[in-house]
């Protein structure tokens, strides 16, 4: 439980991880959309 409240311990790593996961998620979404568009054409 302490880790949840002690965010100031390593904010940089958390921010980098959040940005990375967001970019990864957006990449996956764009790949899926591209595949769907290819299938429709």
N, C-alpha and C. Protein backbone atom coordinates (compact mmCIF):
# COMPACT_ATOMS: atom_id res chain seq x y z
N UNK A 1 0.83 -1.21 0.00
CA UNK A 1 0.00 0.00 0.00
C UNK A 1 0.87 1.26 0.00
N UNK A 2 2.07 1.16 0.58
CA UNK A 2 2.92 2.35 0.69
C UNK A 2 3.31 2.88 -0.69
N UNK A 3 3.55 1.97 -1.64
CA UNK A 3 4.00 2.40 -2.97
C UNK A 3 2.98 3.33 -3.63
N UNK A 4 1.70 3.07 -3.40
CA UNK A 4 0.66 3.89 -4.05
C UNK A 4 0.75 5.34 -3.58
N UNK A 5 1.01 5.55 -2.29
CA UNK A 5 1.01 6.90 -1.75
C UNK A 5 2.37 7.57 -1.92
N UNK A 6 3.43 6.78 -1.95
CA UNK A 6 4.79 7.34 -2.05
C UNK A 6 5.17 7.52 -3.51
N UNK A 7 4.47 8.41 -4.18
CA UNK A 7 4.73 8.63 -5.62
C UNK A 7 5.96 9.51 -5.83
N UNK A 8 6.32 10.32 -4.86
CA UNK A 8 7.43 11.25 -5.02
C UNK A 8 8.77 10.51 -5.02
N UNK A 9 8.77 9.22 -4.70
CA UNK A 9 10.02 8.46 -4.65
C UNK A 9 10.69 8.45 -6.02
N UNK A 10 9.96 8.09 -7.06
CA UNK A 10 10.53 8.07 -8.41
C UNK A 10 9.51 8.55 -9.44
N UNK A 11 9.29 9.86 -9.49
CA UNK A 11 8.30 10.40 -10.43
C UNK A 11 8.75 10.31 -11.87
N UNK A 12 10.06 10.50 -12.10
CA UNK A 12 10.57 10.46 -13.48
C UNK A 12 10.30 9.11 -14.12
N UNK A 13 10.62 8.05 -13.41
CA UNK A 13 10.42 6.70 -13.97
C UNK A 13 8.94 6.45 -14.25
N UNK A 14 8.09 6.91 -13.33
CA UNK A 14 6.65 6.70 -13.52
C UNK A 14 6.16 7.46 -14.75
N UNK A 15 6.65 8.69 -14.92
CA UNK A 15 6.23 9.50 -16.07
C UNK A 15 6.72 8.84 -17.36
N UNK A 16 7.99 8.41 -17.37
CA UNK A 16 8.54 7.76 -18.58
C UNK A 16 7.75 6.51 -18.89
N UNK A 17 7.44 5.72 -17.86
CA UNK A 17 6.68 4.48 -18.08
C UNK A 17 5.29 4.81 -18.62
N UNK A 18 4.67 5.84 -18.08
CA UNK A 18 3.33 6.22 -18.55
C UNK A 18 3.37 6.66 -20.01
N UNK A 19 4.37 7.48 -20.36
CA UNK A 19 4.47 7.94 -21.75
C UNK A 19 4.73 6.76 -22.67
N UNK A 20 5.63 5.86 -22.23
CA UNK A 20 5.96 4.70 -23.07
C UNK A 20 4.73 3.83 -23.29
N UNK A 21 3.99 3.55 -22.22
CA UNK A 21 2.81 2.68 -22.37
C UNK A 21 1.76 3.37 -23.24
N UNK A 22 1.65 4.70 -23.11
CA UNK A 22 0.68 5.44 -23.94
C UNK A 22 1.07 5.35 -25.41
N UNK A 23 2.37 5.54 -25.71
CA UNK A 23 2.82 5.46 -27.10
C UNK A 23 2.62 4.05 -27.63
N UNK A 24 2.94 3.05 -26.79
CA UNK A 24 2.77 1.65 -27.21
C UNK A 24 1.31 1.37 -27.52
N UNK A 25 0.42 1.87 -26.67
CA UNK A 25 -1.02 1.65 -26.87
C UNK A 25 -1.48 2.33 -28.17
N UNK A 26 -1.03 3.56 -28.40
CA UNK A 26 -1.43 4.28 -29.61
C UNK A 26 -0.90 3.57 -30.85
N UNK A 27 0.33 3.03 -30.74
CA UNK A 27 0.91 2.30 -31.88
C UNK A 27 0.05 1.08 -32.20
N UNK A 28 -0.33 0.35 -31.17
CA UNK A 28 -1.15 -0.85 -31.37
C UNK A 28 -2.49 -0.48 -32.00
N UNK A 29 -3.08 0.60 -31.52
CA UNK A 29 -4.38 1.02 -32.06
C UNK A 29 -4.23 1.38 -33.53
N UNK A 30 -3.18 2.14 -33.87
CA UNK A 30 -3.00 2.55 -35.26
C UNK A 30 -2.73 1.34 -36.14
N UNK A 31 -2.00 0.35 -35.63
CA UNK A 31 -1.73 -0.87 -36.42
C UNK A 31 -3.05 -1.60 -36.67
N UNK A 32 -3.87 -1.72 -35.62
CA UNK A 32 -5.15 -2.43 -35.78
C UNK A 32 -6.04 -1.68 -36.78
N UNK A 33 -6.07 -0.36 -36.68
CA UNK A 33 -6.89 0.44 -37.60
C UNK A 33 -6.38 0.26 -39.03
N UNK A 34 -5.05 0.27 -39.20
CA UNK A 34 -4.48 0.08 -40.53
C UNK A 34 -4.84 -1.28 -41.10
N UNK A 35 -4.78 -2.31 -40.26
CA UNK A 35 -5.13 -3.66 -40.73
C UNK A 35 -6.60 -3.70 -41.13
N UNK A 36 -7.46 -3.07 -40.32
CA UNK A 36 -8.89 -3.05 -40.64
C UNK A 36 -9.13 -2.32 -41.96
N UNK A 37 -8.43 -1.21 -42.17
CA UNK A 37 -8.61 -0.46 -43.42
C UNK A 37 -8.15 -1.30 -44.61
N UNK A 38 -7.06 -2.05 -44.44
CA UNK A 38 -6.55 -2.89 -45.52
C UNK A 38 -7.57 -3.97 -45.86
N UNK A 39 -8.16 -4.55 -44.82
CA UNK A 39 -9.13 -5.64 -45.05
C UNK A 39 -10.35 -5.10 -45.79
N UNK A 40 -10.77 -3.88 -45.44
CA UNK A 40 -11.99 -3.31 -46.06
C UNK A 40 -11.77 -3.00 -47.53
N UNK A 41 -10.56 -2.58 -47.90
CA UNK A 41 -10.32 -2.15 -49.29
C UNK A 41 -10.39 -3.32 -50.26
